[in-house]
Amino acid sequence: MTAFVSNVLRARLIEGVHAAGREVMAIYARDFSVETKDDQSPLTEADMASHHALVALLEDLTPEVPVLSEESAEIPYATRQAWQRYWLIDPLDGTKEFVNKNGEFTLNVALIEEGVPVFGIVYAPVLQTTWVGQVGGEAFKIAQGIYANIQVRELPDPEVAPWKVVGSRRHGAETFEAFCAGLPAHECVSMGSSLKLCLVAEGNADLYPRLAPTSEWDTAAAQAVVTAAGGEVLNVETLEPLRCNQQESVLNPFFIVCGQRDERWESALRASLQ
């Protein structure tokens, strides 16, 4: 468990993320403009409001720790690679879900130490639900003000209860279907943003294969929650845990989130990638 995030700091971080979420919800409740970034992804004033609120929060609470945000000016790898500890944030994960007003978007804040996500907060303001994980410590969920510890569930016997597999609404459908075709009895659930990882962390899903592009800020906070809850977020090629800040690019490899490893889904994964 990282000693850096004390109980007091954790409480102040959660409070600050909730405050940023209120700013996002004020924009969500009215008309807002949508711009298009260079990578063709959408950008709203809520992305930027959350970005400014979260960066100000982290700079106030931990001024000695650098911050990398999806909406920051690009920071060269020559600078980033010297960081032993830094904050990695996605101010609004699931901007398309925000624009479509389906509620499936989150604010993500992660602490990275030596390339490993060791602490994370994922807040879904429409759902009034927050997931928090501290690797080596606890993982918990706050829903309507009630705190409850969470953990991944044991992979059920598919002849008794089907596996629950969560997938993206928008990305990688063909490979996802190929993966699912190789599994024993299962049911699929579609979900937006990093909520998919949180479903595995809280034991409401067993697997989440992400066989389409993502960036490190999309996953780091939820990876910390999954890890703290007893699960793993694994590179599909190596089945080693995802790491951050290992190269110039902030793109993730394809990955799979699991409560536990099992040869049946590993075999299906290998087949789907061929």
Protein backbone atom coordinates (compact mmCIF):
# COMPACT_ATOMS: atom_id res chain seq x y z
CA MET A 1 0.00 0.00 0.00
CA THR A 2 1.37 3.35 -0.97
CA ALA A 3 1.94 5.31 2.22
CA PHE A 4 1.74 8.51 0.18
CA VAL A 5 -2.08 8.56 0.21
CA SER A 6 -3.06 8.89 3.86
CA ASN A 7 -6.65 8.58 5.00
CA VAL A 8 -6.82 12.37 5.31
CA LEU A 9 -5.46 12.95 1.80
CA ARG A 10 -7.78 10.28 0.40
CA ALA A 11 -10.83 11.95 1.96
CA ARG A 12 -9.82 15.35 0.57
CA LEU A 13 -9.24 13.87 -2.87
CA ILE A 14 -12.67 12.24 -2.90
CA GLU A 15 -14.27 15.49 -1.76
CA GLY A 16 -12.45 17.42 -4.49
CA VAL A 17 -13.37 14.95 -7.23
CA HIS A 18 -17.01 15.19 -6.14
CA ALA A 19 -16.78 18.99 -6.35
CA ALA A 20 -15.42 18.72 -9.90
CA GLY A 21 -18.30 16.37 -10.66
CA ARG A 22 -20.78 19.01 -9.57
CA GLU A 23 -19.27 21.42 -12.09
CA VAL A 24 -19.62 18.77 -14.78
CA MET A 25 -23.25 18.12 -13.83
CA ALA A 26 -24.12 21.82 -14.03
CA ILE A 27 -22.98 21.77 -17.67
CA TYR A 28 -24.65 18.39 -18.32
CA ALA A 29 -27.99 19.86 -17.23
CA ARG A 30 -27.99 22.58 -19.91
CA ASP A 31 -27.10 23.02 -23.56
CA PHE A 32 -23.37 22.93 -24.31
CA SER A 33 -21.16 23.14 -27.37
CA VAL A 34 -19.10 20.21 -28.68
CA GLU A 35 -15.76 20.67 -30.43
CA THR A 36 -13.68 18.06 -32.24
CA LYS A 37 -10.06 17.43 -31.27
CA ASP A 38 -7.28 16.54 -33.71
CA ASP A 39 -7.88 12.83 -33.10
CA GLN A 40 -11.56 13.34 -34.00
CA SER A 41 -12.72 12.73 -30.42
CA PRO A 42 -15.23 15.18 -28.93
CA LEU A 43 -14.37 17.91 -26.43
CA THR A 44 -16.90 19.84 -24.34
CA GLU A 45 -16.66 22.68 -21.83
CA ALA A 46 -17.26 20.02 -19.16
CA ASP A 47 -13.97 18.30 -20.09
CA MET A 48 -12.12 21.56 -19.54
CA ALA A 49 -14.01 22.58 -16.39
CA SER A 50 -13.21 19.22 -14.82
CA HIS A 51 -9.60 19.41 -16.02
CA HIS A 52 -9.04 22.81 -14.40
CA ALA A 53 -10.79 21.78 -11.17
CA LEU A 54 -8.85 18.52 -10.79
CA VAL A 55 -5.46 20.01 -11.67
CA ALA A 56 -6.04 22.83 -9.15
CA LEU A 57 -7.08 20.26 -6.52
CA LEU A 58 -3.96 18.14 -6.99
CA GLU A 59 -1.60 21.10 -7.18
CA ASP A 60 -3.08 22.39 -3.92
CA LEU A 61 -2.96 19.08 -2.04
CA THR A 62 0.33 17.70 -3.41
CA PRO A 63 2.28 20.55 -5.04
CA GLU A 64 5.42 18.42 -5.28
CA VAL A 65 3.78 15.77 -7.52
CA PRO A 66 3.48 16.46 -11.28
CA VAL A 67 0.11 16.06 -13.02
CA LEU A 68 -0.60 14.63 -16.46
CA SER A 69 -4.12 15.17 -17.78
CA GLU A 70 -5.70 14.19 -21.08
CA GLU A 71 -6.41 17.89 -21.60
CA SER A 72 -2.92 19.11 -20.60
CA ALA A 73 -0.47 20.54 -23.06
CA GLU A 74 1.71 17.68 -24.27
CA ILE A 75 4.54 16.87 -21.87
CA PRO A 76 7.62 15.36 -23.59
CA TYR A 77 8.62 11.83 -22.62
CA ALA A 78 12.09 13.14 -21.85
CA THR A 79 10.44 15.00 -18.97
CA ARG A 80 7.89 12.35 -18.00
CA GLN A 81 10.30 9.43 -17.84
CA ALA A 82 12.05 11.02 -14.85
CA TRP A 83 8.82 11.00 -12.86
CA GLN A 84 8.84 8.35 -10.14
CA ARG A 85 5.42 9.47 -8.92
CA TYR A 86 2.75 11.50 -10.70
CA TRP A 87 -0.99 12.04 -10.97
CA LEU A 88 -2.69 10.84 -14.15
CA ILE A 89 -6.19 12.13 -14.78
CA ASP A 90 -8.96 11.83 -17.33
CA PRO A 91 -11.22 14.77 -16.50
CA LEU A 92 -14.16 13.28 -18.40
CA ASP A 93 -13.90 9.67 -19.52
CA GLY A 94 -16.71 8.86 -21.90
CA THR A 95 -17.27 12.26 -23.51
CA LYS A 96 -19.45 10.61 -26.18
CA GLU A 97 -21.63 9.20 -23.39
CA PHE A 98 -21.76 12.70 -21.88
CA VAL A 99 -22.83 14.21 -25.21
CA ASN A 100 -25.47 11.48 -25.65
CA LYS A 101 -26.64 12.06 -22.06
CA ASN A 102 -26.79 8.39 -21.08
CA GLY A 103 -24.97 8.97 -17.78
CA GLU A 104 -22.14 6.52 -18.45
CA PHE A 105 -19.19 8.87 -18.00
CA THR A 106 -16.66 9.25 -15.19
CA LEU A 107 -13.99 11.48 -13.69
CA ASN A 108 -10.77 9.50 -13.23
CA VAL A 109 -7.83 10.32 -10.95
CA ALA A 110 -4.88 7.92 -10.55
CA LEU A 111 -1.59 8.00 -8.71
CA ILE A 112 1.24 6.30 -10.59
CA GLU A 113 4.38 5.09 -8.81
CA GLU A 114 7.24 3.61 -10.84
CA GLY A 115 4.82 3.00 -13.72
CA VAL A 116 2.22 1.23 -11.58
CA PRO A 117 -1.27 2.64 -10.83
CA VAL A 118 -1.33 2.39 -7.03
CA PHE A 119 -4.33 4.53 -6.16
CA GLY A 120 -7.42 5.49 -8.08
CA ILE A 121 -10.75 7.30 -7.85
CA VAL A 122 -13.45 6.76 -10.46
CA TYR A 123 -16.53 8.95 -10.01
CA ALA A 124 -19.74 8.61 -12.02
CA PRO A 125 -21.70 11.75 -11.08
CA VAL A 126 -25.00 10.82 -12.76
CA LEU A 127 -24.96 7.49 -10.91
CA GLN A 128 -23.81 9.23 -7.70
CA THR A 129 -21.30 6.41 -7.34
CA THR A 130 -17.57 6.48 -6.62
CA TRP A 131 -15.06 3.63 -6.72
CA VAL A 132 -11.78 3.98 -4.81
CA GLY A 133 -8.85 1.59 -4.72
CA GLN A 134 -5.50 1.65 -2.93
CA VAL A 135 -3.20 -1.18 -3.98
CA GLY A 136 -2.13 -3.16 -0.94
CA GLY A 137 -5.02 -1.59 0.95
CA GLU A 138 -8.74 -1.62 0.31
CA ALA A 139 -11.16 -1.11 -2.53
CA PHE A 140 -14.54 0.38 -1.81
CA LYS A 141 -17.59 1.90 -3.44
CA ILE A 142 -19.56 4.94 -2.28
CA ALA A 143 -23.16 4.94 -3.49
CA GLN A 144 -25.63 7.54 -2.21
CA GLY A 145 -23.22 8.25 0.64
CA ILE A 146 -22.92 4.62 1.76
CA TYR A 147 -19.42 3.09 1.85
CA ALA A 148 -19.02 -0.63 1.04
CA ASN A 149 -15.87 -2.67 0.49
CA ILE A 150 -15.72 -4.42 -2.87
CA GLN A 151 -13.84 -7.35 -4.32
CA VAL A 152 -13.83 -9.36 -7.51
CA ARG A 153 -15.95 -12.50 -7.49
CA GLU A 154 -14.82 -16.06 -8.04
CA LEU A 155 -15.28 -17.15 -11.63
CA PRO A 156 -18.50 -19.20 -11.54
CA ASP A 157 -19.01 -22.65 -13.01
CA PRO A 158 -20.52 -21.71 -16.38
CA GLU A 159 -22.77 -24.77 -16.27
CA VAL A 160 -24.37 -23.32 -13.16
CA ALA A 161 -24.15 -19.57 -13.79
CA PRO A 162 -22.98 -17.94 -17.03
CA TRP A 163 -19.90 -15.76 -16.97
CA LYS A 164 -20.61 -12.05 -17.28
CA VAL A 165 -18.57 -10.34 -19.97
CA VAL A 166 -18.67 -6.57 -20.33
CA GLY A 167 -17.81 -4.79 -23.55
CA SER A 168 -17.61 -1.33 -25.08
CA ARG A 169 -20.67 0.22 -26.70
CA ARG A 170 -18.59 1.61 -29.54
CA HIS A 171 -15.24 -0.08 -30.13
CA GLY A 172 -13.79 -3.41 -31.22
CA ALA A 173 -17.08 -5.26 -31.70
CA GLU A 174 -15.81 -7.81 -34.22
CA THR A 175 -12.87 -9.01 -32.11
CA PHE A 176 -15.02 -8.89 -28.96
CA GLU A 177 -17.55 -11.20 -30.62
CA ALA A 178 -14.77 -13.54 -31.73
CA PHE A 179 -13.50 -13.70 -28.16
CA CYS A 180 -16.97 -14.38 -26.75
CA ALA A 181 -17.55 -17.14 -29.33
CA GLY A 182 -14.75 -19.14 -27.72
CA LEU A 183 -16.11 -18.88 -24.17
CA PRO A 184 -18.32 -21.30 -22.27
CA ALA A 185 -21.83 -20.14 -21.30
CA HIS A 186 -21.81 -16.37 -20.80
CA GLU A 187 -23.85 -13.23 -21.09
CA CYS A 188 -22.68 -9.87 -22.42
CA VAL A 189 -23.27 -6.39 -21.03
CA SER A 190 -22.48 -3.14 -22.88
CA MET A 191 -21.25 -0.17 -20.89
CA GLY A 192 -19.44 3.13 -21.46
CA SER A 193 -16.22 4.59 -20.04
CA SER A 194 -14.18 3.06 -17.20
CA LEU A 195 -17.39 1.80 -15.59
CA LYS A 196 -16.58 -1.49 -17.33
CA LEU A 197 -13.50 -2.04 -15.19
CA CYS A 198 -15.43 -1.09 -12.08
CA LEU A 199 -18.05 -3.76 -12.81
CA VAL A 200 -15.30 -6.37 -12.60
CA ALA A 201 -13.83 -4.78 -9.46
CA GLU A 202 -17.16 -4.92 -7.62
CA GLY A 203 -17.92 -8.50 -8.67
CA ASN A 204 -20.73 -7.68 -11.11
CA ALA A 205 -18.77 -8.87 -14.16
CA ASP A 206 -16.06 -11.45 -14.70
CA LEU A 207 -14.22 -10.26 -17.80
CA TYR A 208 -13.73 -7.11 -19.82
CA PRO A 209 -11.62 -7.58 -22.96
CA ARG A 210 -10.61 -4.29 -24.52
CA LEU A 211 -9.50 -5.12 -28.04
CA ALA A 212 -9.46 -1.56 -29.37
CA PRO A 213 -7.32 1.51 -28.63
CA THR A 214 -7.32 3.32 -25.27
CA SER A 215 -4.93 5.68 -23.54
CA GLU A 216 -3.32 5.36 -20.13
CA TRP A 217 -5.52 8.05 -18.57
CA ASP A 218 -8.61 6.05 -19.64
CA THR A 219 -7.66 3.07 -17.51
CA ALA A 220 -5.16 3.90 -14.76
CA ALA A 221 -7.59 4.95 -12.01
CA ALA A 222 -9.89 1.99 -12.60
CA GLN A 223 -6.89 -0.36 -12.87
CA ALA A 224 -5.89 0.65 -9.33
CA VAL A 225 -9.45 -0.11 -8.17
CA VAL A 226 -9.46 -3.51 -9.90
CA THR A 227 -6.05 -4.43 -8.48
CA ALA A 228 -7.02 -3.36 -4.95
CA ALA A 229 -10.19 -5.47 -5.31
CA GLY A 230 -8.15 -8.57 -6.15
CA GLY A 231 -8.35 -8.54 -9.95
CA GLU A 232 -5.91 -7.80 -12.77
CA VAL A 233 -5.67 -5.63 -15.89
CA LEU A 234 -3.45 -7.53 -18.31
CA ASN A 235 -1.77 -6.88 -21.66
CA VAL A 236 -3.43 -9.42 -23.98
CA GLU A 237 -0.14 -10.34 -25.65
CA THR A 238 1.93 -10.97 -22.52
CA LEU A 239 -0.72 -11.40 -19.80
CA GLU A 240 1.37 -9.05 -17.68
CA PRO A 241 -0.19 -6.09 -15.84
CA LEU A 242 -0.49 -2.82 -17.75
CA ARG A 243 2.11 -0.23 -16.87
CA CYS A 244 2.14 3.51 -17.45
CA ASN A 245 4.78 5.93 -18.70
CA GLN A 246 7.02 3.31 -20.26
CA GLN A 247 7.31 4.96 -23.67
CA GLU A 248 6.69 8.14 -25.66
CA SER A 249 3.19 7.08 -26.59
CA VAL A 250 0.47 7.06 -23.92
CA LEU A 251 -1.56 4.49 -25.87
CA ASN A 252 -2.29 1.22 -24.08
CA PRO A 253 -1.84 -2.18 -25.65
CA PHE A 254 -5.06 -4.18 -25.96
CA PHE A 255 -5.91 -5.59 -22.55
CA ILE A 256 -8.26 -7.79 -20.58
CA VAL A 257 -9.66 -7.16 -17.10
CA CYS A 258 -10.31 -10.26 -15.03
CA GLY A 259 -11.25 -11.29 -11.54
CA GLN A 260 -9.06 -14.35 -11.94
CA ARG A 261 -7.12 -16.11 -14.64
CA ASP A 262 -8.55 -19.20 -16.31
CA GLU A 263 -7.29 -21.27 -19.24
CA ARG A 264 -10.73 -21.22 -20.87
CA TRP A 265 -10.82 -17.47 -21.42
CA GLU A 266 -7.07 -17.31 -22.09
CA SER A 267 -7.56 -19.83 -24.92
CA ALA A 268 -10.50 -17.84 -26.32
CA LEU A 269 -8.40 -14.70 -26.18
CA ARG A 270 -5.51 -16.27 -28.08
CA ALA A 271 -7.89 -17.52 -30.76
CA SER A 272 -9.59 -14.15 -31.17
CA LEU A 273 -6.27 -12.40 -31.78
CA GLN A 274 -5.13 -14.68 -34.57
